[in-house]
Amino acid sequence: MTTRTHRPEGPHATAAEDGTTTEDLPIPFRRLLRAETRKLADTRSGKVIAVLLVALVVASVAARATVAGPEPQRLIFTAGIALGTLLPVLGILTMTGEWTHRTALTTFALEPRRHRVIAAKCVPPLAATVLLSLLAMLVAVPVTAVAAGVRNTPPVWDVDPAALLGWTGANVLVTATGLALGALLLNAPSAIVICLTAPMLWSAAARLGPGGAALAGWLDLGTTSAPLMTGDLTWSDGARLAASATLWIVVPMTAGLIRVLRKEVI
């Protein structure tokens, strides 16, 4: 009696010792991560936003030095204006790109477990956020030295590590907000409009009276993350930050993941 060995099919399939083929094996997460990282830089919009982010970080730090003087921590925080505006857009485009470019069918055919694809999409923008925050810190050092020489004033090198760490964490939360809204809506223009108008709407709500101010104090992520950026986060501040992060990140990301898992791909 002869036994039939399992032969791999397809031009790239190879047989494993247990008789399975590489086509039957799950795609390693690191391969998904590399693919999503390439997508982040391959698209035209991704390249434009990446160039703008780097340019605006450098320009804002240098421009602030001409006004504020050689204070590195203040210069670093100035870069948060550009990061807070464009990082959510980067997260949104990352999540909606598959549906905008109609590549979702190919992506989910290669990896049917969609939650792994979503997880791989989240990592590159969040890692880019940390790198851009570090870039602002690195640029602030020579800019501070140059500003001190031009102004003929001693630089102020007093930097609070907790504040810088909190500032970086706030940037990560902003990017996560864009990822969550992108996953929920799967429509880039709608998600971008919500991200850009939400701070103005919360600012208007805070001026309506004590009720509006209390609501913004608990649900506006920009307001609740302010103590994090100063390094003075208390337990009550942490509770407010958790409430706003749940509203803007946890809930939409969970709902978006359920939607992506159930959505029919055409």
C-alpha atoms as a PDB file:
ATOM      1  CA  MET A   1       0.000   0.000   0.000  1.00  0.00           C
ATOM      2  CA  THR A   2       1.458   3.321  -1.038  1.00  0.00           C
ATOM      3  CA  THR A   3       0.900   6.641   0.604  1.00  0.00           C
ATOM      4  CA  ARG A   4       0.457   9.774  -1.403  1.00  0.00           C
ATOM      5  CA  THR A   5       2.544  12.712  -0.284  1.00  0.00           C
ATOM      6  CA  HIS A   6       1.053  16.168  -0.269  1.00  0.00           C
ATOM      7  CA  ARG A   7       2.521  18.153  -3.151  1.00  0.00           C
ATOM      8  CA  PRO A   8       2.593  21.897  -2.926  1.00  0.00           C
ATOM      9  CA  GLU A   9       0.546  23.711  -5.495  1.00  0.00           C
ATOM     10  CA  GLY A  10       1.283  27.034  -7.073  1.00  0.00           C
ATOM     11  CA  PRO A  11       4.576  28.545  -8.194  1.00  0.00           C
ATOM     12  CA  HIS A  12       5.610  29.758  -4.743  1.00  0.00           C
ATOM     13  CA  ALA A  13       4.296  26.944  -2.526  1.00  0.00           C
ATOM     14  CA  THR A  14       6.723  24.761  -0.611  1.00  0.00           C
ATOM     15  CA  ALA A  15       6.091  21.683   1.470  1.00  0.00           C
ATOM     16  CA  ALA A  16       6.626  21.653   5.215  1.00  0.00           C
ATOM     17  CA  GLU A  17       7.642  18.638   7.297  1.00  0.00           C
ATOM     18  CA  ASP A  18       4.090  18.066   8.518  1.00  0.00           C
ATOM     19  CA  GLY A  19       2.714  17.907   4.990  1.00  0.00           C
ATOM     20  CA  THR A  20       1.284  21.414   4.886  1.00  0.00           C
ATOM     21  CA  THR A  21       2.310  24.033   2.365  1.00  0.00           C
ATOM     22  CA  THR A  22       3.286  27.614   2.810  1.00  0.00           C
ATOM     23  CA  GLU A  23      -0.016  28.557   1.203  1.00  0.00           C
ATOM     24  CA  ASP A  24      -1.781  26.947   4.172  1.00  0.00           C
ATOM     25  CA  LEU A  25       0.330  28.742   6.791  1.00  0.00           C
ATOM     26  CA  PRO A  26      -0.833  32.064   8.242  1.00  0.00           C
ATOM     27  CA  ILE A  27       0.860  35.202   7.010  1.00  0.00           C
ATOM     28  CA  PRO A  28       3.361  36.364   9.639  1.00  0.00           C
ATOM     29  CA  PHE A  29       2.345  39.597  11.326  1.00  0.00           C
ATOM     30  CA  ARG A  30       5.733  41.143  10.555  1.00  0.00           C
ATOM     31  CA  ARG A  31       5.012  40.669   6.842  1.00  0.00           C
ATOM     32  CA  LEU A  32       1.673  42.429   7.225  1.00  0.00           C
ATOM     33  CA  LEU A  33       3.462  45.162   9.128  1.00  0.00           C
ATOM     34  CA  ARG A  34       5.993  45.644   6.340  1.00  0.00           C
ATOM     35  CA  ALA A  35       3.219  45.765   3.762  1.00  0.00           C
ATOM     36  CA  GLU A  36       1.231  48.389   5.690  1.00  0.00           C
ATOM     37  CA  THR A  37       4.366  50.442   6.277  1.00  0.00           C
ATOM     38  CA  ARG A  38       5.039  50.477   2.540  1.00  0.00           C
ATOM     39  CA  LYS A  39       1.442  51.525   1.887  1.00  0.00           C
ATOM     40  CA  LEU A  40       1.924  54.442   4.241  1.00  0.00           C
ATOM     41  CA  ALA A  41       4.770  55.784   2.091  1.00  0.00           C
ATOM     42  CA  ASP A  42       3.762  54.528  -1.371  1.00  0.00           C
ATOM     43  CA  THR A  43       0.577  56.545  -1.802  1.00  0.00           C
ATOM     44  CA  ARG A  44       0.728  60.121  -3.036  1.00  0.00           C
ATOM     45  CA  SER A  45      -1.253  61.454  -0.087  1.00  0.00           C
ATOM     46  CA  GLY A  46       0.978  59.591   2.363  1.00  0.00           C
ATOM     47  CA  LYS A  47       4.118  61.047   0.816  1.00  0.00           C
ATOM     48  CA  VAL A  48       2.701  64.580   0.821  1.00  0.00           C
ATOM     49  CA  ILE A  49       1.634  64.378   4.467  1.00  0.00           C
ATOM     50  CA  ALA A  50       4.970  62.862   5.512  1.00  0.00           C
ATOM     51  CA  VAL A  51       6.919  65.651   3.791  1.00  0.00           C
ATOM     52  CA  LEU A  52       4.606  68.290   5.242  1.00  0.00           C
ATOM     53  CA  LEU A  53       4.932  66.891   8.745  1.00  0.00           C
ATOM     54  CA  VAL A  54       8.726  66.883   8.670  1.00  0.00           C
ATOM     55  CA  ALA A  55       8.891  70.328   7.060  1.00  0.00           C
ATOM     56  CA  LEU A  56       6.380  71.882   9.451  1.00  0.00           C
ATOM     57  CA  VAL A  57       8.062  70.395  12.518  1.00  0.00           C
ATOM     58  CA  VAL A  58      11.408  71.893  11.514  1.00  0.00           C
ATOM     59  CA  ALA A  59       9.882  75.200  10.386  1.00  0.00           C
ATOM     60  CA  SER A  60       7.724  75.665  13.492  1.00  0.00           C
ATOM     61  CA  VAL A  61      10.621  74.994  15.855  1.00  0.00           C
ATOM     62  CA  ALA A  62      12.890  77.403  13.946  1.00  0.00           C
ATOM     63  CA  ALA A  63      10.220  80.091  13.648  1.00  0.00           C
ATOM     64  CA  ARG A  64       9.336  79.900  17.313  1.00  0.00           C
ATOM     65  CA  ALA A  65      12.977  80.365  18.249  1.00  0.00           C
ATOM     66  CA  THR A  66      12.989  83.785  16.583  1.00  0.00           C
ATOM     67  CA  VAL A  67      10.159  84.923  18.864  1.00  0.00           C
ATOM     68  CA  ALA A  68      10.403  82.933  22.084  1.00  0.00           C
ATOM     69  CA  GLY A  69      14.170  82.714  22.346  1.00  0.00           C
ATOM     70  CA  PRO A  70      16.425  79.759  23.188  1.00  0.00           C
ATOM     71  CA  GLU A  71      14.019  77.642  25.263  1.00  0.00           C
ATOM     72  CA  PRO A  72      13.984  74.081  23.876  1.00  0.00           C
ATOM     73  CA  GLN A  73      10.881  72.843  25.678  1.00  0.00           C
ATOM     74  CA  ARG A  74       8.794  75.727  24.393  1.00  0.00           C
ATOM     75  CA  LEU A  75      10.170  75.180  20.893  1.00  0.00           C
ATOM     76  CA  ILE A  76       9.309  71.487  21.031  1.00  0.00           C
ATOM     77  CA  PHE A  77       5.749  72.135  22.124  1.00  0.00           C
ATOM     78  CA  THR A  78       5.309  74.544  19.205  1.00  0.00           C
ATOM     79  CA  ALA A  79       5.746  71.615  16.828  1.00  0.00           C
ATOM     80  CA  GLY A  80       2.606  70.151  18.385  1.00  0.00           C
ATOM     81  CA  ILE A  81       0.492  72.610  16.376  1.00  0.00           C
ATOM     82  CA  ALA A  82       1.466  70.971  13.096  1.00  0.00           C
ATOM     83  CA  LEU A  83       1.436  67.467  14.556  1.00  0.00           C
ATOM     84  CA  GLY A  84      -1.979  67.899  16.133  1.00  0.00           C
ATOM     85  CA  THR A  85      -3.435  68.987  12.788  1.00  0.00           C
ATOM     86  CA  LEU A  86      -1.884  66.495  10.374  1.00  0.00           C
ATOM     87  CA  LEU A  87      -1.354  63.364  12.463  1.00  0.00           C
ATOM     88  CA  PRO A  88      -5.100  62.580  12.645  1.00  0.00           C
ATOM     89  CA  VAL A  89      -5.272  62.979   8.865  1.00  0.00           C
ATOM     90  CA  LEU A  90      -2.424  60.483   8.507  1.00  0.00           C
ATOM     91  CA  GLY A  91      -4.291  57.989  10.687  1.00  0.00           C
ATOM     92  CA  ILE A  92      -7.536  58.508   8.782  1.00  0.00           C
ATOM     93  CA  LEU A  93      -5.940  57.991   5.371  1.00  0.00           C
ATOM     94  CA  THR A  94      -4.231  54.863   6.651  1.00  0.00           C
ATOM     95  CA  MET A  95      -7.542  53.300   7.634  1.00  0.00           C
ATOM     96  CA  THR A  96      -9.575  54.459   4.646  1.00  0.00           C
ATOM     97  CA  GLY A  97      -6.952  53.839   1.960  1.00  0.00           C
ATOM     98  CA  GLU A  98      -8.069  50.277   1.222  1.00  0.00           C
ATOM     99  CA  TRP A  99     -11.603  51.440   0.478  1.00  0.00           C
ATOM    100  CA  THR A 100     -10.582  54.618  -1.346  1.00  0.00           C
ATOM    101  CA  HIS A 101      -8.220  52.804  -3.710  1.00  0.00           C
ATOM    102  CA  ARG A 102     -10.479  49.707  -3.910  1.00  0.00           C
ATOM    103  CA  THR A 103      -7.733  47.356  -2.771  1.00  0.00           C
ATOM    104  CA  ALA A 104      -9.667  45.897   0.155  1.00  0.00           C
ATOM    105  CA  LEU A 105     -10.752  42.880  -1.873  1.00  0.00           C
ATOM    106  CA  THR A 106      -7.136  41.969  -2.641  1.00  0.00           C
ATOM    107  CA  THR A 107      -5.920  42.661   0.890  1.00  0.00           C
ATOM    108  CA  PHE A 108      -8.615  40.642   2.632  1.00  0.00           C
ATOM    109  CA  ALA A 109      -8.331  37.829   0.100  1.00  0.00           C
ATOM    110  CA  LEU A 110      -4.654  37.451   0.960  1.00  0.00           C
ATOM    111  CA  GLU A 111      -5.357  37.781   4.700  1.00  0.00           C
ATOM    112  CA  PRO A 112      -8.972  36.867   5.520  1.00  0.00           C
ATOM    113  CA  ARG A 113      -8.470  37.600   9.234  1.00  0.00           C
ATOM    114  CA  ARG A 114      -9.272  41.270   8.949  1.00  0.00           C
ATOM    115  CA  HIS A 115      -8.502  42.113  12.560  1.00  0.00           C
ATOM    116  CA  ARG A 116      -4.817  41.347  11.895  1.00  0.00           C
ATOM    117  CA  VAL A 117      -4.828  43.749   8.952  1.00  0.00           C
ATOM    118  CA  ILE A 118      -6.388  46.482  11.099  1.00  0.00           C
ATOM    119  CA  ALA A 119      -3.805  45.878  13.819  1.00  0.00           C
ATOM    120  CA  ALA A 120      -0.988  46.091  11.270  1.00  0.00           C
ATOM    121  CA  LYS A 121      -2.409  49.354   9.931  1.00  0.00           C
ATOM    122  CA  CYS A 122      -2.341  50.971  13.378  1.00  0.00           C
ATOM    123  CA  VAL A 123       1.348  50.403  14.088  1.00  0.00           C
ATOM    124  CA  PRO A 124       3.083  52.497  11.350  1.00  0.00           C
ATOM    125  CA  PRO A 125       1.209  55.783  12.033  1.00  0.00           C
ATOM    126  CA  LEU A 126       1.722  55.423  15.785  1.00  0.00           C
ATOM    127  CA  ALA A 127       5.426  54.667  15.294  1.00  0.00           C
ATOM    128  CA  ALA A 128       5.701  57.641  12.914  1.00  0.00           C
ATOM    129  CA  THR A 129       4.131  59.826  15.616  1.00  0.00           C
ATOM    130  CA  VAL A 130       6.809  58.863  18.127  1.00  0.00           C
ATOM    131  CA  LEU A 131       9.565  59.440  15.541  1.00  0.00           C
ATOM    132  CA  LEU A 132       8.202  62.871  14.624  1.00  0.00           C
ATOM    133  CA  SER A 133       8.035  63.797  18.304  1.00  0.00           C
ATOM    134  CA  LEU A 134      11.678  62.747  18.677  1.00  0.00           C
ATOM    135  CA  LEU A 135      12.528  64.742  15.549  1.00  0.00           C
ATOM    136  CA  ALA A 136      11.088  67.872  17.149  1.00  0.00           C
ATOM    137  CA  MET A 137      13.231  67.279  20.234  1.00  0.00           C
ATOM    138  CA  LEU A 138      16.374  66.732  18.169  1.00  0.00           C
ATOM    139  CA  VAL A 139      15.763  69.803  16.001  1.00  0.00           C
ATOM    140  CA  ALA A 140      15.162  71.953  19.081  1.00  0.00           C
ATOM    141  CA  VAL A 141      18.711  71.356  20.373  1.00  0.00           C
ATOM    142  CA  PRO A 142      20.720  72.993  17.522  1.00  0.00           C
ATOM    143  CA  VAL A 143      18.005  75.620  16.996  1.00  0.00           C
ATOM    144  CA  THR A 144      18.295  76.590  20.665  1.00  0.00           C
ATOM    145  CA  ALA A 145      22.062  76.888  20.369  1.00  0.00           C
ATOM    146  CA  VAL A 146      21.799  79.016  17.212  1.00  0.00           C
ATOM    147  CA  ALA A 147      19.103  81.241  18.717  1.00  0.00           C
ATOM    148  CA  ALA A 148      21.243  81.776  21.815  1.00  0.00           C
ATOM    149  CA  GLY A 149      24.201  82.791  19.664  1.00  0.00           C
ATOM    150  CA  VAL A 150      22.166  85.158  17.498  1.00  0.00           C
ATOM    151  CA  ARG A 151      20.422  86.788  20.460  1.00  0.00           C
ATOM    152  CA  ASN A 152      23.567  86.725  22.576  1.00  0.00           C
ATOM    153  CA  THR A 153      21.550  85.329  25.462  1.00  0.00           C
ATOM    154  CA  PRO A 154      22.172  82.147  27.480  1.00  0.00           C
ATOM    155  CA  PRO A 155      19.950  79.209  26.487  1.00  0.00           C
ATOM    156  CA  VAL A 156      17.475  77.803  28.965  1.00  0.00           C
ATOM    157  CA  TRP A 157      18.127  74.074  28.973  1.00  0.00           C
ATOM    158  CA  ASP A 158      15.649  73.281  31.760  1.00  0.00           C
ATOM    159  CA  VAL A 159      13.551  70.487  30.246  1.00  0.00           C
ATOM    160  CA  ASP A 160      10.961  68.407  32.096  1.00  0.00           C
ATOM    161  CA  PRO A 161      11.257  64.777  30.899  1.00  0.00           C
ATOM    162  CA  ALA A 162       7.770  63.984  32.219  1.00  0.00           C
ATOM    163  CA  ALA A 163       6.300  66.837  30.178  1.00  0.00           C
ATOM    164  CA  LEU A 164       8.082  65.707  27.015  1.00  0.00           C
ATOM    165  CA  LEU A 165       6.927  62.148  27.565  1.00  0.00           C
ATOM    166  CA  GLY A 166       3.377  63.362  28.157  1.00  0.00           C
ATOM    167  CA  TRP A 167       3.536  65.558  25.059  1.00  0.00           C
ATOM    168  CA  THR A 168       4.587  62.545  23.001  1.00  0.00           C
ATOM    169  CA  GLY A 169       1.766  60.523  24.537  1.00  0.00           C
ATOM    170  CA  ALA A 170      -0.725  63.263  23.639  1.00  0.00           C
ATOM    171  CA  ASN A 171       0.488  63.137  20.040  1.00  0.00           C
ATOM    172  CA  VAL A 172      -0.041  59.369  20.026  1.00  0.00           C
ATOM    173  CA  LEU A 173      -3.597  59.869  21.299  1.00  0.00           C
ATOM    174  CA  VAL A 174      -4.273  62.338  18.493  1.00  0.00           C
ATOM    175  CA  THR A 175      -3.085  59.831  15.895  1.00  0.00           C
ATOM    176  CA  ALA A 176      -5.134  57.082  17.518  1.00  0.00           C
ATOM    177  CA  THR A 177      -8.200  59.325  17.231  1.00  0.00           C
ATOM    178  CA  GLY A 178      -7.672  59.566  13.479  1.00  0.00           C
ATOM    179  CA  LEU A 179      -7.228  55.805  13.207  1.00  0.00           C
ATOM    180  CA  ALA A 180     -10.417  55.173  15.190  1.00  0.00           C
ATOM    181  CA  LEU A 181     -12.565  57.604  13.203  1.00  0.00           C
ATOM    182  CA  GLY A 182     -11.145  56.287   9.943  1.00  0.00           C
ATOM    183  CA  ALA A 183     -12.000  52.714  10.925  1.00  0.00           C
ATOM    184  CA  LEU A 184     -15.497  53.737  11.992  1.00  0.00           C
ATOM    185  CA  LEU A 185     -16.479  55.853   8.985  1.00  0.00           C
ATOM    186  CA  LEU A 186     -14.271  54.331   6.240  1.00  0.00           C
ATOM    187  CA  ASN A 187     -14.648  57.704   4.540  1.00  0.00           C
ATOM    188  CA  ALA A 188     -11.699  60.071   4.620  1.00  0.00           C
ATOM    189  CA  PRO A 189     -13.460  63.434   4.000  1.00  0.00           C
ATOM    190  CA  SER A 190     -16.073  62.860   6.708  1.00  0.00           C
ATOM    191  CA  ALA A 191     -13.517  61.720   9.280  1.00  0.00           C
ATOM    192  CA  ILE A 192     -11.171  64.618   8.481  1.00  0.00           C
ATOM    193  CA  VAL A 193     -13.976  67.161   8.865  1.00  0.00           C
ATOM    194  CA  ILE A 194     -14.906  65.727  12.277  1.00  0.00           C
ATOM    195  CA  CYS A 195     -11.276  65.766  13.454  1.00  0.00           C
ATOM    196  CA  LEU A 196     -10.666  69.353  12.335  1.00  0.00           C
ATOM    197  CA  THR A 197     -13.942  70.810  13.560  1.00  0.00           C
ATOM    198  CA  ALA A 198     -14.193  68.987  16.899  1.00  0.00           C
ATOM    199  CA  PRO A 199     -11.758  71.321  18.751  1.00  0.00           C
ATOM    200  CA  MET A 200     -13.707  74.385  17.594  1.00  0.00           C
ATOM    201  CA  LEU A 201     -17.029  72.862  18.592  1.00  0.00           C
ATOM    202  CA  TRP A 202     -15.735  71.899  22.043  1.00  0.00           C
ATOM    203  CA  SER A 203     -14.305  75.396  22.493  1.00  0.00           C
ATOM    204  CA  ALA A 204     -17.698  76.860  21.664  1.00  0.00           C
ATOM    205  CA  ALA A 205     -19.430  74.407  23.997  1.00  0.00           C
ATOM    206  CA  ALA A 206     -17.116  75.388  26.861  1.00  0.00           C
ATOM    207  CA  ARG A 207     -18.282  79.018  26.509  1.00  0.00           C
ATOM    208  CA  LEU A 208     -21.959  78.152  26.821  1.00  0.00           C
ATOM    209  CA  GLY A 209     -21.847  77.992  30.604  1.00  0.00           C
ATOM    210  CA  PRO A 210     -20.894  75.701  33.470  1.00  0.00           C
ATOM    211  CA  GLY A 211     -22.624  72.720  31.874  1.00  0.00           C
ATOM    212  CA  GLY A 212     -20.778  73.114  28.594  1.00  0.00           C
ATOM    213  CA  ALA A 213     -17.475  73.673  30.357  1.00  0.00           C
ATOM    214  CA  ALA A 214     -17.974  70.550  32.481  1.00  0.00           C
ATOM    215  CA  LEU A 215     -18.862  68.520  29.408  1.00  0.00           C
ATOM    216  CA  ALA A 216     -15.784  69.713  27.539  1.00  0.00           C
ATOM    217  CA  GLY A 217     -13.679  69.082  30.624  1.00  0.00           C
ATOM    218  CA  TRP A 218     -14.597  65.406  30.504  1.00  0.00           C
ATOM    219  CA  LEU A 219     -15.078  64.632  26.808  1.00  0.00           C
ATOM    220  CA  ASP A 220     -12.778  66.986  24.888  1.00  0.00           C
ATOM    221  CA  LEU A 221      -9.552  65.073  24.301  1.00  0.00           C
ATOM    222  CA  GLY A 222      -7.617  68.294  23.704  1.00  0.00           C
ATOM    223  CA  THR A 223      -8.669  69.621  27.101  1.00  0.00           C
ATOM    224  CA  THR A 224      -8.190  66.408  29.057  1.00  0.00           C
ATOM    225  CA  SER A 225      -4.722  65.777  27.587  1.00  0.00           C
ATOM    226  CA  ALA A 226      -3.412  69.217  28.631  1.00  0.00           C
ATOM    227  CA  PRO A 227      -2.294  68.036  32.122  1.00  0.00           C
ATOM    228  CA  LEU A 228      -0.516  65.140  30.432  1.00  0.00           C
ATOM    229  CA  MET A 229       1.582  67.577  28.396  1.00  0.00           C
ATOM    230  CA  THR A 230       2.547  69.588  31.453  1.00  0.00           C
ATOM    231  CA  GLY A 231       3.609  66.528  33.422  1.00  0.00           C
ATOM    232  CA  ASP A 232       1.127  67.339  36.209  1.00  0.00           C
ATOM    233  CA  LEU A 233      -1.430  64.591  35.623  1.00  0.00           C
ATOM    234  CA  THR A 234      -3.417  63.761  38.751  1.00  0.00           C
ATOM    235  CA  TRP A 235      -5.848  60.919  39.384  1.00  0.00           C
ATOM    236  CA  SER A 236      -8.835  63.123  38.585  1.00  0.00           C
ATOM    237  CA  ASP A 237      -7.114  64.342  35.427  1.00  0.00           C
ATOM    238  CA  GLY A 238      -6.418  60.727  34.488  1.00  0.00           C
ATOM    239  CA  ALA A 239     -10.106  59.874  34.902  1.00  0.00           C
ATOM    240  CA  ARG A 240     -11.099  62.692  32.566  1.00  0.00           C
ATOM    241  CA  LEU A 241      -8.451  61.651  30.066  1.00  0.00           C
ATOM    242  CA  ALA A 242      -9.680  58.045  30.196  1.00  0.00           C
ATOM    243  CA  ALA A 243     -13.275  59.188  29.627  1.00  0.00           C
ATOM    244  CA  SER A 244     -12.411  61.282  26.580  1.00  0.00           C
ATOM    245  CA  ALA A 245     -10.079  58.605  25.166  1.00  0.00           C
ATOM    246  CA  THR A 246     -12.867  56.057  25.522  1.00  0.00           C
ATOM    247  CA  LEU A 247     -15.255  58.312  23.637  1.00  0.00           C
ATOM    248  CA  TRP A 248     -12.879  59.256  20.816  1.00  0.00           C
ATOM    249  CA  ILE A 249     -10.669  56.164  20.507  1.00  0.00           C
ATOM    250  CA  VAL A 250     -11.975  53.012  22.192  1.00  0.00           C
ATOM    251  CA  VAL A 251     -15.637  53.247  21.165  1.00  0.00           C
ATOM    252  CA  PRO A 252     -15.136  54.239  17.503  1.00  0.00           C
ATOM    253  CA  MET A 253     -12.256  51.782  17.043  1.00  0.00           C
ATOM    254  CA  THR A 254     -14.332  48.934  18.469  1.00  0.00           C
ATOM    255  CA  ALA A 255     -17.339  49.845  16.349  1.00  0.00           C
ATOM    256  CA  GLY A 256     -15.107  50.318  13.311  1.00  0.00           C
ATOM    257  CA  LEU A 257     -13.490  46.930  13.788  1.00  0.00           C
ATOM    258  CA  ILE A 258     -16.921  45.287  13.967  1.00  0.00           C
ATOM    259  CA  ARG A 259     -17.952  47.151  10.824  1.00  0.00           C
ATOM    260  CA  VAL A 260     -14.835  46.103   8.910  1.00  0.00           C
ATOM    261  CA  LEU A 261     -15.251  42.480   9.984  1.00  0.00           C
ATOM    262  CA  ARG A 262     -18.843  42.429   8.739  1.00  0.00           C
ATOM    263  CA  LYS A 263     -18.579  44.719   5.725  1.00  0.00           C
ATOM    264  CA  GLU A 264     -19.005  43.135   2.339  1.00  0.00           C
ATOM    265  CA  VAL A 265     -16.046  43.858   0.092  1.00  0.00           C
ATOM    266  CA  ILE A 266     -16.920  44.622  -3.516  1.00  0.00           C
END
